[in-house]
Amino acid sequence: SSSDTDLSECTTHNEVSTGCYVSTSVCSTEYGLRCYTPGNCSDGEVRLLDGDIVQEGRPEICIDGVWGSICQTSWNAIDGYVFCNMLGYDGPNPIIYYGSEFGVG
């Protein structure tokens, strides 16, 4: 669970009840991990990362002091326009790229 501080505290294989899952067998799905120190940004703050120019990149938003990428599910031109406005760009019709054009966050 989120209150556990060590994987040895994860004594169950039932991830639904505890949120904790440890297995030493071969995994059918392996995961990557990026850890953060909260407080690196202010909630609701937005930015673009890894673009070739300052006006493009992977959109990220700060939630609970942590930067995170925006998933493309339901992301559309209206969302892109609002995001660009939040960054101070007020031009019409932003170009939306799908499929991690600027890398995975």
N, C-alpha and C. Protein backbone atom coordinates (compact mmCIF):
# COMPACT_ATOMS: atom_id res chain seq x y z
N SER A 1 0.84 -1.19 0.00
CA SER A 1 0.00 0.00 0.00
C SER A 1 0.88 1.24 0.00
N SER A 2 0.28 2.40 -0.16
CA SER A 2 1.08 3.62 -0.22
C SER A 2 1.74 3.95 1.11
N SER A 3 1.33 3.31 2.20
CA SER A 3 1.97 3.55 3.49
C SER A 3 3.18 2.66 3.71
N ASP A 4 3.37 1.65 2.86
CA ASP A 4 4.54 0.78 2.97
C ASP A 4 5.78 1.56 2.58
N THR A 5 6.89 1.32 3.29
CA THR A 5 8.13 2.01 2.98
C THR A 5 9.20 1.08 2.42
N ASP A 6 8.92 -0.20 2.35
CA ASP A 6 9.88 -1.17 1.87
C ASP A 6 9.13 -2.30 1.18
N LEU A 7 9.68 -2.83 0.08
CA LEU A 7 9.00 -3.91 -0.63
C LEU A 7 8.80 -5.14 0.24
N SER A 8 9.64 -5.32 1.25
CA SER A 8 9.47 -6.48 2.13
C SER A 8 8.16 -6.39 2.92
N GLU A 9 7.56 -5.20 2.99
CA GLU A 9 6.28 -5.03 3.66
C GLU A 9 5.12 -5.49 2.78
N CYS A 10 5.40 -5.73 1.50
CA CYS A 10 4.38 -6.20 0.56
C CYS A 10 4.32 -7.71 0.66
N THR A 11 3.52 -8.20 1.55
CA THR A 11 3.50 -9.64 1.81
C THR A 11 2.38 -10.36 1.10
N THR A 12 1.57 -9.64 0.37
CA THR A 12 0.44 -10.27 -0.31
C THR A 12 0.59 -10.13 -1.81
N HIS A 13 -0.03 -11.04 -2.54
CA HIS A 13 -0.03 -10.97 -3.99
C HIS A 13 -1.35 -10.42 -4.50
N ASN A 14 -2.17 -9.88 -3.62
CA ASN A 14 -3.48 -9.37 -4.00
C ASN A 14 -3.38 -7.85 -4.16
N GLU A 15 -3.10 -7.39 -5.37
CA GLU A 15 -2.90 -5.97 -5.58
C GLU A 15 -4.17 -5.14 -5.42
N VAL A 16 -5.34 -5.77 -5.52
CA VAL A 16 -6.59 -5.03 -5.38
C VAL A 16 -6.79 -4.57 -3.94
N SER A 17 -6.54 -5.45 -2.98
CA SER A 17 -6.83 -5.10 -1.59
C SER A 17 -5.76 -4.23 -0.96
N THR A 18 -4.50 -4.34 -1.40
CA THR A 18 -3.44 -3.58 -0.74
C THR A 18 -2.74 -2.58 -1.63
N GLY A 19 -2.91 -2.70 -2.95
CA GLY A 19 -2.18 -1.84 -3.86
C GLY A 19 -0.74 -2.26 -4.02
N CYS A 20 -0.38 -3.40 -3.43
CA CYS A 20 1.00 -3.86 -3.40
C CYS A 20 1.10 -5.21 -4.09
N TYR A 21 2.02 -5.38 -5.02
CA TYR A 21 2.14 -6.65 -5.73
C TYR A 21 3.61 -6.95 -5.96
N VAL A 22 4.07 -8.06 -5.46
CA VAL A 22 5.45 -8.48 -5.64
C VAL A 22 5.44 -9.91 -6.12
N SER A 23 6.23 -10.20 -7.14
CA SER A 23 6.34 -11.55 -7.65
C SER A 23 7.76 -11.80 -8.10
N THR A 24 8.30 -12.96 -7.80
CA THR A 24 9.65 -13.30 -8.23
C THR A 24 9.62 -14.20 -9.46
N SER A 25 8.43 -14.52 -9.94
CA SER A 25 8.32 -15.35 -11.14
C SER A 25 8.46 -14.49 -12.39
N VAL A 26 8.47 -15.12 -13.55
CA VAL A 26 8.58 -14.39 -14.80
C VAL A 26 7.33 -13.52 -14.99
N CYS A 27 7.55 -12.26 -15.30
CA CYS A 27 6.43 -11.32 -15.45
C CYS A 27 5.94 -11.32 -16.89
N SER A 28 4.63 -11.26 -17.07
CA SER A 28 4.08 -11.10 -18.41
C SER A 28 4.14 -9.64 -18.83
N THR A 29 4.15 -8.73 -17.88
CA THR A 29 4.28 -7.30 -18.13
C THR A 29 5.26 -6.73 -17.14
N GLU A 30 6.32 -6.12 -17.64
CA GLU A 30 7.26 -5.46 -16.75
C GLU A 30 7.04 -3.96 -16.83
N TYR A 31 7.33 -3.27 -15.76
CA TYR A 31 7.05 -1.85 -15.67
C TYR A 31 8.32 -1.04 -15.53
N GLY A 32 8.26 0.20 -15.98
CA GLY A 32 9.31 1.16 -15.72
C GLY A 32 8.85 2.07 -14.60
N LEU A 33 9.75 2.85 -14.07
CA LEU A 33 9.41 3.69 -12.93
C LEU A 33 10.20 4.99 -13.00
N ARG A 34 9.54 6.09 -12.70
CA ARG A 34 10.21 7.36 -12.53
C ARG A 34 9.75 7.92 -11.19
N CYS A 35 10.67 8.17 -10.30
CA CYS A 35 10.34 8.69 -8.98
C CYS A 35 10.55 10.19 -8.94
N TYR A 36 9.74 10.85 -8.13
CA TYR A 36 9.76 12.31 -8.07
C TYR A 36 9.87 12.79 -6.63
N THR A 37 10.40 13.97 -6.49
CA THR A 37 10.38 14.67 -5.22
C THR A 37 9.30 15.73 -5.33
N PRO A 38 8.20 15.60 -4.58
CA PRO A 38 7.12 16.59 -4.68
C PRO A 38 7.63 17.99 -4.37
N GLY A 39 6.98 18.97 -4.97
CA GLY A 39 7.32 20.35 -4.70
C GLY A 39 8.14 21.01 -5.79
N ASN A 40 8.41 20.30 -6.89
CA ASN A 40 9.20 20.86 -7.97
C ASN A 40 8.40 21.82 -8.85
N CYS A 41 7.09 21.87 -8.66
CA CYS A 41 6.24 22.73 -9.48
C CYS A 41 4.96 23.04 -8.71
N SER A 42 4.20 23.98 -9.24
CA SER A 42 2.94 24.37 -8.61
C SER A 42 1.77 23.72 -9.33
N ASP A 43 0.79 23.24 -8.58
CA ASP A 43 -0.36 22.57 -9.17
C ASP A 43 -1.01 23.42 -10.26
N GLY A 44 -1.28 22.76 -11.40
CA GLY A 44 -1.91 23.44 -12.52
C GLY A 44 -0.93 24.09 -13.48
N GLU A 45 0.33 24.19 -13.09
CA GLU A 45 1.36 24.74 -13.97
C GLU A 45 1.55 23.80 -15.17
N VAL A 46 1.78 24.35 -16.36
CA VAL A 46 1.97 23.53 -17.56
C VAL A 46 3.28 23.89 -18.24
N ARG A 47 3.78 22.95 -19.04
CA ARG A 47 5.01 23.19 -19.80
C ARG A 47 5.06 22.28 -21.01
N LEU A 48 5.95 22.62 -21.96
CA LEU A 48 6.24 21.78 -23.11
C LEU A 48 7.69 21.31 -22.99
N LEU A 49 7.92 20.03 -23.26
CA LEU A 49 9.26 19.46 -23.12
C LEU A 49 9.70 18.75 -24.39
N ASP A 50 10.98 18.78 -24.65
CA ASP A 50 11.65 18.00 -25.70
C ASP A 50 11.25 18.36 -27.13
N GLY A 51 10.80 19.58 -27.35
CA GLY A 51 10.53 20.03 -28.72
C GLY A 51 11.79 20.61 -29.35
N ASP A 52 11.78 20.77 -30.66
CA ASP A 52 12.91 21.37 -31.36
C ASP A 52 12.94 22.88 -31.19
N ILE A 53 11.76 23.47 -30.95
CA ILE A 53 11.65 24.91 -30.68
C ILE A 53 10.82 25.09 -29.41
N VAL A 54 10.87 26.26 -28.84
CA VAL A 54 10.22 26.51 -27.55
C VAL A 54 8.69 26.35 -27.61
N GLN A 55 8.08 26.54 -28.79
CA GLN A 55 6.63 26.48 -28.92
C GLN A 55 6.09 25.08 -29.16
N GLU A 56 6.92 24.06 -29.11
CA GLU A 56 6.43 22.70 -29.33
C GLU A 56 7.05 21.76 -28.30
N GLY A 57 6.44 20.60 -28.15
CA GLY A 57 6.98 19.60 -27.24
C GLY A 57 5.88 18.75 -26.63
N ARG A 58 6.28 17.91 -25.74
CA ARG A 58 5.34 17.04 -25.02
C ARG A 58 4.66 17.87 -23.93
N PRO A 59 3.33 17.95 -23.93
CA PRO A 59 2.65 18.73 -22.89
C PRO A 59 2.68 18.01 -21.55
N GLU A 60 3.04 18.76 -20.51
CA GLU A 60 3.03 18.21 -19.16
C GLU A 60 2.30 19.18 -18.24
N ILE A 61 1.72 18.62 -17.18
CA ILE A 61 1.01 19.42 -16.19
C ILE A 61 1.46 18.99 -14.79
N CYS A 62 1.48 19.93 -13.89
CA CYS A 62 1.89 19.66 -12.51
C CYS A 62 0.65 19.32 -11.67
N ILE A 63 0.70 18.18 -11.01
CA ILE A 63 -0.36 17.76 -10.09
C ILE A 63 0.31 17.27 -8.82
N ASP A 64 -0.10 17.81 -7.69
CA ASP A 64 0.48 17.46 -6.39
C ASP A 64 2.00 17.64 -6.36
N GLY A 65 2.50 18.69 -7.03
CA GLY A 65 3.92 18.99 -7.01
C GLY A 65 4.77 18.11 -7.91
N VAL A 66 4.13 17.34 -8.81
CA VAL A 66 4.85 16.41 -9.68
C VAL A 66 4.46 16.65 -11.13
N TRP A 67 5.46 16.74 -12.03
CA TRP A 67 5.19 16.88 -13.46
C TRP A 67 4.74 15.56 -14.03
N GLY A 68 3.72 15.58 -14.89
CA GLY A 68 3.25 14.37 -15.54
C GLY A 68 2.80 14.66 -16.95
N SER A 69 2.98 13.68 -17.84
CA SER A 69 2.55 13.82 -19.23
C SER A 69 1.04 13.71 -19.31
N ILE A 70 0.49 14.28 -20.35
CA ILE A 70 -0.94 14.20 -20.60
C ILE A 70 -1.18 13.06 -21.58
N CYS A 71 -2.04 12.13 -21.22
CA CYS A 71 -2.34 11.01 -22.09
C CYS A 71 -3.20 11.49 -23.26
N GLN A 72 -3.06 10.84 -24.40
CA GLN A 72 -3.77 11.32 -25.59
C GLN A 72 -5.23 10.92 -25.63
N THR A 73 -5.72 10.11 -24.69
CA THR A 73 -7.12 9.75 -24.67
C THR A 73 -7.98 11.00 -24.55
N SER A 74 -8.82 11.22 -25.54
CA SER A 74 -9.72 12.37 -25.60
C SER A 74 -9.02 13.71 -25.77
N TRP A 75 -7.71 13.74 -25.99
CA TRP A 75 -6.98 14.99 -26.23
C TRP A 75 -7.30 15.45 -27.64
N ASN A 76 -7.67 16.71 -27.78
CA ASN A 76 -8.05 17.20 -29.11
C ASN A 76 -7.56 18.64 -29.30
N ALA A 77 -7.93 19.24 -30.43
CA ALA A 77 -7.47 20.59 -30.76
C ALA A 77 -7.94 21.62 -29.73
N ILE A 78 -9.11 21.45 -29.17
CA ILE A 78 -9.60 22.39 -28.15
C ILE A 78 -8.70 22.33 -26.93
N ASP A 79 -8.35 21.11 -26.49
CA ASP A 79 -7.44 20.97 -25.35
C ASP A 79 -6.09 21.61 -25.66
N GLY A 80 -5.62 21.38 -26.88
CA GLY A 80 -4.35 21.98 -27.30
C GLY A 80 -4.40 23.50 -27.30
N TYR A 81 -5.50 24.05 -27.75
CA TYR A 81 -5.68 25.50 -27.77
C TYR A 81 -5.64 26.06 -26.34
N VAL A 82 -6.38 25.43 -25.43
CA VAL A 82 -6.40 25.87 -24.02
C VAL A 82 -5.01 25.76 -23.42
N PHE A 83 -4.32 24.65 -23.68
CA PHE A 83 -2.97 24.45 -23.16
C PHE A 83 -2.03 25.55 -23.68
N CYS A 84 -2.07 25.80 -24.98
CA CYS A 84 -1.23 26.85 -25.57
C CYS A 84 -1.54 28.21 -24.95
N ASN A 85 -2.83 28.50 -24.73
CA ASN A 85 -3.21 29.75 -24.08
C ASN A 85 -2.62 29.86 -22.68
N MET A 86 -2.60 28.74 -21.96
CA MET A 86 -2.03 28.74 -20.61
C MET A 86 -0.54 29.09 -20.63
N LEU A 87 0.12 28.80 -21.75
CA LEU A 87 1.54 29.11 -21.90
C LEU A 87 1.77 30.50 -22.49
N GLY A 88 0.67 31.20 -22.82
CA GLY A 88 0.78 32.54 -23.36
C GLY A 88 0.74 32.62 -24.87
N TYR A 89 0.52 31.49 -25.54
CA TYR A 89 0.40 31.49 -27.01
C TYR A 89 -1.08 31.60 -27.36
N ASP A 90 -1.43 32.64 -28.13
CA ASP A 90 -2.84 32.84 -28.41
C ASP A 90 -3.20 32.70 -29.89
N GLY A 91 -2.29 32.11 -30.66
CA GLY A 91 -2.57 31.89 -32.07
C GLY A 91 -3.61 30.79 -32.26
N PRO A 92 -4.30 30.81 -33.40
CA PRO A 92 -5.35 29.82 -33.66
C PRO A 92 -4.76 28.48 -34.12
N ASN A 93 -5.56 27.45 -33.99
CA ASN A 93 -5.29 26.14 -34.58
C ASN A 93 -3.93 25.53 -34.26
N PRO A 94 -3.69 25.18 -33.01
CA PRO A 94 -2.43 24.51 -32.71
C PRO A 94 -2.39 23.14 -33.41
N ILE A 95 -1.19 22.70 -33.73
CA ILE A 95 -1.03 21.38 -34.36
C ILE A 95 -0.92 20.35 -33.26
N ILE A 96 -1.77 19.33 -33.33
CA ILE A 96 -1.77 18.25 -32.34
C ILE A 96 -1.06 17.05 -32.94
N TYR A 97 -0.06 16.53 -32.23
CA TYR A 97 0.66 15.32 -32.66
C TYR A 97 0.21 14.17 -31.77
N TYR A 98 0.01 13.01 -32.36
CA TYR A 98 -0.35 11.82 -31.60
C TYR A 98 0.79 10.81 -31.65
N GLY A 99 0.85 9.94 -30.67
CA GLY A 99 1.84 8.87 -30.69
C GLY A 99 3.21 9.25 -30.17
N SER A 100 3.28 10.04 -29.14
CA SER A 100 4.55 10.39 -28.48
C SER A 100 5.56 11.03 -29.44
N GLU A 101 5.11 11.97 -30.21
CA GLU A 101 5.97 12.68 -31.17
C GLU A 101 7.22 13.26 -30.52
N PHE A 102 7.11 13.68 -29.26
CA PHE A 102 8.23 14.32 -28.57
C PHE A 102 8.74 13.47 -27.41
N GLY A 103 8.63 12.17 -27.54
CA GLY A 103 9.14 11.25 -26.51
C GLY A 103 8.13 10.96 -25.44
N VAL A 104 8.42 9.97 -24.68
CA VAL A 104 7.54 9.52 -23.61
C VAL A 104 7.95 10.20 -22.32
N GLY A 105 6.97 10.69 -21.57
CA GLY A 105 7.24 11.38 -20.32
C GLY A 105 7.21 10.49 -19.13
